[in-house]
Amino acid sequence: SVCSSVGGASQWRPSTPSGRKAGVISAAGKDMGGTKQNQDSSFLVERQKGGTDFLCGVIDGHGLNGHHVSEYVRQNLAANILNQRKSSARQGMRSAMVHGFVDTAARLREAKSIDAQESGATVAVCMRRGPDLYVANVGDTRVVLVSQDGEGRASGRPLTRDHTAALPSERERVTKSGEIGR
């Protein structure tokens, strides 16, 4: 179906814990026996006027400044996606997500307060607008749809594909694009 609502970020607000439609739990990993700094973050925004629409994301920071990169993405990606949708309504939600990711990455590179030269993040986002569900990811953070059968058993189905050199198809895609070594 076609999304007809094109409101920008000003029509959305952070979700409150009592009204959450989704949630994220993350814990720091272990490194050489000690606990590493948790570099994960997440966001969940919903429409100002209520309803069931939402945009959520999970960010997994990497590297020395991964926690700063993760926080930057948390603070900026949702608004960039929503504003891209508003400014380019005819191009659709997929285009808005792609351009929102690209714009966030470009602005991060320009941010003087974060040294992201050797750090970064993997990201997965999911947006519900009416009956439609849109997903996007960068790296090996993925979106999984969990459903429950009539007997209460849960099952998961991945909605995104990891972008990792461990997958031959991804290695081939990156090699063909000429992005290696840039």
C-alpha atoms as a PDB file:
ATOM      1  CA  SER A   1       0.000   0.000   0.000  1.00  0.00           C
ATOM      2  CA  VAL A   2       0.990   3.644  -0.290  1.00  0.00           C
ATOM      3  CA  CYS A   3       1.863   5.851   2.676  1.00  0.00           C
ATOM      4  CA  SER A   4      -0.197   9.013   2.507  1.00  0.00           C
ATOM      5  CA  SER A   5       0.986  10.618   5.737  1.00  0.00           C
ATOM      6  CA  VAL A   6       4.043  12.788   5.149  1.00  0.00           C
ATOM      7  CA  GLY A   7       4.486  14.587   8.464  1.00  0.00           C
ATOM      8  CA  GLY A   8       8.047  15.488   9.416  1.00  0.00           C
ATOM      9  CA  ALA A   9       9.818  14.894  12.698  1.00  0.00           C
ATOM     10  CA  SER A  10       7.755  17.586  14.455  1.00  0.00           C
ATOM     11  CA  GLN A  11       4.698  15.307  14.322  1.00  0.00           C
ATOM     12  CA  TRP A  12       6.519  12.557  16.225  1.00  0.00           C
ATOM     13  CA  ARG A  13       7.670  12.259  19.860  1.00  0.00           C
ATOM     14  CA  PRO A  14       9.787   9.886  21.933  1.00  0.00           C
ATOM     15  CA  SER A  15       7.714   7.033  23.311  1.00  0.00           C
ATOM     16  CA  THR A  16       7.135   6.923  27.062  1.00  0.00           C
ATOM     17  CA  PRO A  17       7.842   3.689  28.978  1.00  0.00           C
ATOM     18  CA  SER A  18       4.159   3.283  29.916  1.00  0.00           C
ATOM     19  CA  GLY A  19       3.011   3.562  26.307  1.00  0.00           C
ATOM     20  CA  ARG A  20       5.745   1.506  24.641  1.00  0.00           C
ATOM     21  CA  LYS A  21       4.842  -0.777  21.772  1.00  0.00           C
ATOM     22  CA  ALA A  22       8.327  -2.267  21.677  1.00  0.00           C
ATOM     23  CA  GLY A  23      11.386  -2.350  23.851  1.00  0.00           C
ATOM     24  CA  VAL A  24      15.089  -3.039  23.832  1.00  0.00           C
ATOM     25  CA  ILE A  25      17.346  -4.616  26.426  1.00  0.00           C
ATOM     26  CA  SER A  26      21.089  -4.601  25.947  1.00  0.00           C
ATOM     27  CA  ALA A  27      24.024  -5.626  28.098  1.00  0.00           C
ATOM     28  CA  ALA A  28      27.732  -4.973  27.798  1.00  0.00           C
ATOM     29  CA  GLY A  29      29.877  -7.837  26.535  1.00  0.00           C
ATOM     30  CA  LYS A  30      32.966  -9.355  28.108  1.00  0.00           C
ATOM     31  CA  ASP A  31      36.532  -8.745  26.973  1.00  0.00           C
ATOM     32  CA  MET A  32      39.490 -10.589  28.514  1.00  0.00           C
ATOM     33  CA  GLY A  33      37.412 -11.390  31.597  1.00  0.00           C
ATOM     34  CA  GLY A  34      36.268  -7.797  32.217  1.00  0.00           C
ATOM     35  CA  THR A  35      33.066  -6.075  31.235  1.00  0.00           C
ATOM     36  CA  LYS A  36      33.307  -3.887  28.143  1.00  0.00           C
ATOM     37  CA  GLN A  37      31.586  -0.535  27.910  1.00  0.00           C
ATOM     38  CA  ASN A  38      28.088  -0.986  26.522  1.00  0.00           C
ATOM     39  CA  GLN A  39      28.079   0.870  23.199  1.00  0.00           C
ATOM     40  CA  ASP A  40      24.486   0.029  22.285  1.00  0.00           C
ATOM     41  CA  SER A  41      21.617   2.479  22.150  1.00  0.00           C
ATOM     42  CA  SER A  42      18.089   2.579  20.806  1.00  0.00           C
ATOM     43  CA  PHE A  43      15.185   4.875  20.050  1.00  0.00           C
ATOM     44  CA  LEU A  44      11.428   4.575  19.787  1.00  0.00           C
ATOM     45  CA  VAL A  45       9.273   7.449  18.553  1.00  0.00           C
ATOM     46  CA  GLU A  46       5.549   7.571  17.942  1.00  0.00           C
ATOM     47  CA  ARG A  47       3.048  10.063  16.558  1.00  0.00           C
ATOM     48  CA  GLN A  48       2.226  13.101  18.713  1.00  0.00           C
ATOM     49  CA  LYS A  49      -1.485  12.440  18.265  1.00  0.00           C
ATOM     50  CA  GLY A  50      -1.252   8.796  19.288  1.00  0.00           C
ATOM     51  CA  GLY A  51      -2.184   5.770  17.222  1.00  0.00           C
ATOM     52  CA  THR A  52      -0.182   2.671  16.408  1.00  0.00           C
ATOM     53  CA  ASP A  53       2.505   4.135  14.121  1.00  0.00           C
ATOM     54  CA  PHE A  54       6.071   4.024  15.406  1.00  0.00           C
ATOM     55  CA  LEU A  55       9.701   4.219  14.292  1.00  0.00           C
ATOM     56  CA  CYS A  56      12.294   2.351  16.326  1.00  0.00           C
ATOM     57  CA  GLY A  57      15.958   1.579  15.957  1.00  0.00           C
ATOM     58  CA  VAL A  58      18.759  -0.390  17.551  1.00  0.00           C
ATOM     59  CA  ILE A  59      22.343   0.854  17.257  1.00  0.00           C
ATOM     60  CA  ASP A  60      25.441  -1.226  18.065  1.00  0.00           C
ATOM     61  CA  GLY A  61      28.532   0.951  18.425  1.00  0.00           C
ATOM     62  CA  HIS A  62      32.000  -0.356  17.537  1.00  0.00           C
ATOM     63  CA  GLY A  63      35.517   0.851  18.183  1.00  0.00           C
ATOM     64  CA  LEU A  64      37.112   3.221  20.665  1.00  0.00           C
ATOM     65  CA  ASN A  65      34.407   5.884  20.203  1.00  0.00           C
ATOM     66  CA  GLY A  66      31.569   3.514  19.303  1.00  0.00           C
ATOM     67  CA  HIS A  67      29.488   4.726  22.237  1.00  0.00           C
ATOM     68  CA  HIS A  68      29.675   8.296  20.895  1.00  0.00           C
ATOM     69  CA  VAL A  69      28.791   7.169  17.363  1.00  0.00           C
ATOM     70  CA  SER A  70      25.899   5.101  18.713  1.00  0.00           C
ATOM     71  CA  GLU A  71      24.565   8.035  20.709  1.00  0.00           C
ATOM     72  CA  TYR A  72      24.884  10.386  17.709  1.00  0.00           C
ATOM     73  CA  VAL A  73      22.897   7.973  15.539  1.00  0.00           C
ATOM     74  CA  ARG A  74      20.291   7.557  18.318  1.00  0.00           C
ATOM     75  CA  GLN A  75      19.808  11.315  18.518  1.00  0.00           C
ATOM     76  CA  ASN A  76      19.682  11.985  14.759  1.00  0.00           C
ATOM     77  CA  LEU A  77      18.584   9.047  12.590  1.00  0.00           C
ATOM     78  CA  ALA A  78      14.842   9.044  13.350  1.00  0.00           C
ATOM     79  CA  ALA A  79      14.464  12.779  12.681  1.00  0.00           C
ATOM     80  CA  ASN A  80      16.534  12.481   9.493  1.00  0.00           C
ATOM     81  CA  ILE A  81      14.333   9.643   8.184  1.00  0.00           C
ATOM     82  CA  LEU A  82      11.109  11.504   9.020  1.00  0.00           C
ATOM     83  CA  ASN A  83      12.343  14.761   7.528  1.00  0.00           C
ATOM     84  CA  GLN A  84      13.485  12.966   4.359  1.00  0.00           C
ATOM     85  CA  ARG A  85       9.985  11.473   4.069  1.00  0.00           C
ATOM     86  CA  LYS A  86       8.413  14.895   4.441  1.00  0.00           C
ATOM     87  CA  SER A  87      10.688  16.603   1.918  1.00  0.00           C
ATOM     88  CA  SER A  88      10.508  13.792  -0.690  1.00  0.00           C
ATOM     89  CA  ALA A  89       7.018  12.363  -0.239  1.00  0.00           C
ATOM     90  CA  ARG A  90       6.775  11.177  -3.834  1.00  0.00           C
ATOM     91  CA  GLN A  91       9.888   9.018  -3.472  1.00  0.00           C
ATOM     92  CA  GLY A  92       8.399   6.830  -0.741  1.00  0.00           C
ATOM     93  CA  MET A  93       9.455   5.430   2.592  1.00  0.00           C
ATOM     94  CA  ARG A  94      12.266   3.236   1.245  1.00  0.00           C
ATOM     95  CA  SER A  95      13.969   6.281  -0.252  1.00  0.00           C
ATOM     96  CA  ALA A  96      13.423   8.250   2.962  1.00  0.00           C
ATOM     97  CA  MET A  97      15.130   5.509   4.986  1.00  0.00           C
ATOM     98  CA  VAL A  98      18.081   5.257   2.591  1.00  0.00           C
ATOM     99  CA  HIS A  99      18.558   9.026   2.498  1.00  0.00           C
ATOM    100  CA  GLY A 100      18.067   9.266   6.285  1.00  0.00           C
ATOM    101  CA  PHE A 101      20.909   6.789   6.826  1.00  0.00           C
ATOM    102  CA  VAL A 102      23.148   8.510   4.261  1.00  0.00           C
ATOM    103  CA  ASP A 103      22.440  11.974   5.703  1.00  0.00           C
ATOM    104  CA  THR A 104      23.138  10.798   9.262  1.00  0.00           C
ATOM    105  CA  ALA A 105      26.460   9.237   8.199  1.00  0.00           C
ATOM    106  CA  ALA A 106      27.487  12.380   6.291  1.00  0.00           C
ATOM    107  CA  ARG A 107      26.683  14.630   9.254  1.00  0.00           C
ATOM    108  CA  LEU A 108      28.558  12.293  11.611  1.00  0.00           C
ATOM    109  CA  ARG A 109      31.681  12.601   9.423  1.00  0.00           C
ATOM    110  CA  GLU A 110      31.388  16.404   9.740  1.00  0.00           C
ATOM    111  CA  ALA A 111      30.820  16.358  13.532  1.00  0.00           C
ATOM    112  CA  LYS A 112      33.947  17.836  15.124  1.00  0.00           C
ATOM    113  CA  SER A 113      33.066  16.477  18.580  1.00  0.00           C
ATOM    114  CA  ILE A 114      33.266  12.777  17.559  1.00  0.00           C
ATOM    115  CA  ASP A 115      36.341  11.043  16.187  1.00  0.00           C
ATOM    116  CA  ALA A 116      34.705   8.337  14.095  1.00  0.00           C
ATOM    117  CA  GLN A 117      37.779   7.560  12.000  1.00  0.00           C
ATOM    118  CA  GLU A 118      38.252   4.144  13.643  1.00  0.00           C
ATOM    119  CA  SER A 119      34.756   3.757  15.126  1.00  0.00           C
ATOM    120  CA  GLY A 120      31.267   3.206  13.801  1.00  0.00           C
ATOM    121  CA  ALA A 121      27.968   1.466  14.352  1.00  0.00           C
ATOM    122  CA  THR A 122      25.645  -1.105  12.881  1.00  0.00           C
ATOM    123  CA  VAL A 123      21.986  -0.107  12.818  1.00  0.00           C
ATOM    124  CA  ALA A 124      18.553  -1.648  12.282  1.00  0.00           C
ATOM    125  CA  VAL A 125      15.321   0.328  12.082  1.00  0.00           C
ATOM    126  CA  CYS A 126      11.676  -0.653  11.831  1.00  0.00           C
ATOM    127  CA  MET A 127       8.769   1.647  11.048  1.00  0.00           C
ATOM    128  CA  ARG A 128       5.069   0.895  11.234  1.00  0.00           C
ATOM    129  CA  ARG A 129       2.775   3.250   9.337  1.00  0.00           C
ATOM    130  CA  GLY A 130      -0.781   2.018   9.272  1.00  0.00           C
ATOM    131  CA  PRO A 131      -0.789  -1.563   7.958  1.00  0.00           C
ATOM    132  CA  ASP A 132       2.713  -1.226   6.479  1.00  0.00           C
ATOM    133  CA  LEU A 133       6.005  -2.266   8.060  1.00  0.00           C
ATOM    134  CA  TYR A 134       9.277  -0.854   6.723  1.00  0.00           C
ATOM    135  CA  VAL A 135      12.708  -2.126   7.766  1.00  0.00           C
ATOM    136  CA  ALA A 136      16.290  -1.170   6.992  1.00  0.00           C
ATOM    137  CA  ASN A 137      19.700  -2.089   8.329  1.00  0.00           C
ATOM    138  CA  VAL A 138      23.387  -1.394   7.949  1.00  0.00           C
ATOM    139  CA  GLY A 139      25.896  -4.000   9.103  1.00  0.00           C
ATOM    140  CA  ASP A 140      25.002  -7.092  11.084  1.00  0.00           C
ATOM    141  CA  THR A 141      22.250  -5.662  13.281  1.00  0.00           C
ATOM    142  CA  ARG A 142      19.017  -7.197  12.058  1.00  0.00           C
ATOM    143  CA  VAL A 143      15.244  -6.895  12.263  1.00  0.00           C
ATOM    144  CA  VAL A 144      13.378 -10.075  13.207  1.00  0.00           C
ATOM    145  CA  LEU A 145       9.575 -10.396  13.160  1.00  0.00           C
ATOM    146  CA  VAL A 146       8.409 -12.553  16.057  1.00  0.00           C
ATOM    147  CA  SER A 147       4.954 -14.095  15.920  1.00  0.00           C
ATOM    148  CA  GLN A 148       3.050 -16.462  18.134  1.00  0.00           C
ATOM    149  CA  ASP A 149       1.034 -19.462  16.974  1.00  0.00           C
ATOM    150  CA  GLY A 150      -2.303 -20.547  18.426  1.00  0.00           C
ATOM    151  CA  GLU A 151      -0.568 -22.642  21.077  1.00  0.00           C
ATOM    152  CA  GLY A 152       1.584 -19.782  22.336  1.00  0.00           C
ATOM    153  CA  ARG A 153       4.841 -20.855  20.647  1.00  0.00           C
ATOM    154  CA  ALA A 154       6.926 -17.975  19.363  1.00  0.00           C
ATOM    155  CA  SER A 155       8.874 -18.084  16.126  1.00  0.00           C
ATOM    156  CA  GLY A 156      11.092 -15.523  14.463  1.00  0.00           C
ATOM    157  CA  ARG A 157      11.585 -14.602  10.832  1.00  0.00           C
ATOM    158  CA  PRO A 158      14.434 -12.283   9.764  1.00  0.00           C
ATOM    159  CA  LEU A 159      13.223  -9.268   7.771  1.00  0.00           C
ATOM    160  CA  THR A 160      16.684  -7.929   6.917  1.00  0.00           C
ATOM    161  CA  ARG A 161      19.883  -9.472   5.601  1.00  0.00           C
ATOM    162  CA  ASP A 162      23.198  -8.897   7.368  1.00  0.00           C
ATOM    163  CA  HIS A 163      25.834  -6.829   5.601  1.00  0.00           C
ATOM    164  CA  THR A 164      28.956  -8.731   6.581  1.00  0.00           C
ATOM    165  CA  ALA A 165      31.974  -9.977   4.654  1.00  0.00           C
ATOM    166  CA  ALA A 166      31.334 -13.402   6.167  1.00  0.00           C
ATOM    167  CA  LEU A 167      28.517 -13.822   3.622  1.00  0.00           C
ATOM    168  CA  PRO A 168      29.821 -14.586   0.117  1.00  0.00           C
ATOM    169  CA  SER A 169      26.954 -12.639  -1.524  1.00  0.00           C
ATOM    170  CA  GLU A 170      27.798  -9.538   0.523  1.00  0.00           C
ATOM    171  CA  ARG A 171      31.519  -9.844  -0.213  1.00  0.00           C
ATOM    172  CA  GLU A 172      30.674 -10.035  -3.929  1.00  0.00           C
ATOM    173  CA  ARG A 173      28.300  -7.043  -3.724  1.00  0.00           C
ATOM    174  CA  VAL A 174      30.915  -4.849  -2.038  1.00  0.00           C
ATOM    175  CA  THR A 175      33.667  -5.947  -4.414  1.00  0.00           C
ATOM    176  CA  LYS A 176      31.495  -5.148  -7.466  1.00  0.00           C
ATOM    177  CA  SER A 177      30.565  -1.737  -6.043  1.00  0.00           C
ATOM    178  CA  GLY A 178      34.211  -0.684  -5.858  1.00  0.00           C
ATOM    179  CA  GLU A 179      33.787   0.444  -2.232  1.00  0.00           C
ATOM    180  CA  ILE A 180      36.704  -1.636  -0.928  1.00  0.00           C
ATOM    181  CA  GLY A 181      39.688   0.558  -0.189  1.00  0.00           C
ATOM    182  CA  ARG A 182      37.736   3.841  -0.188  1.00  0.00           C
END
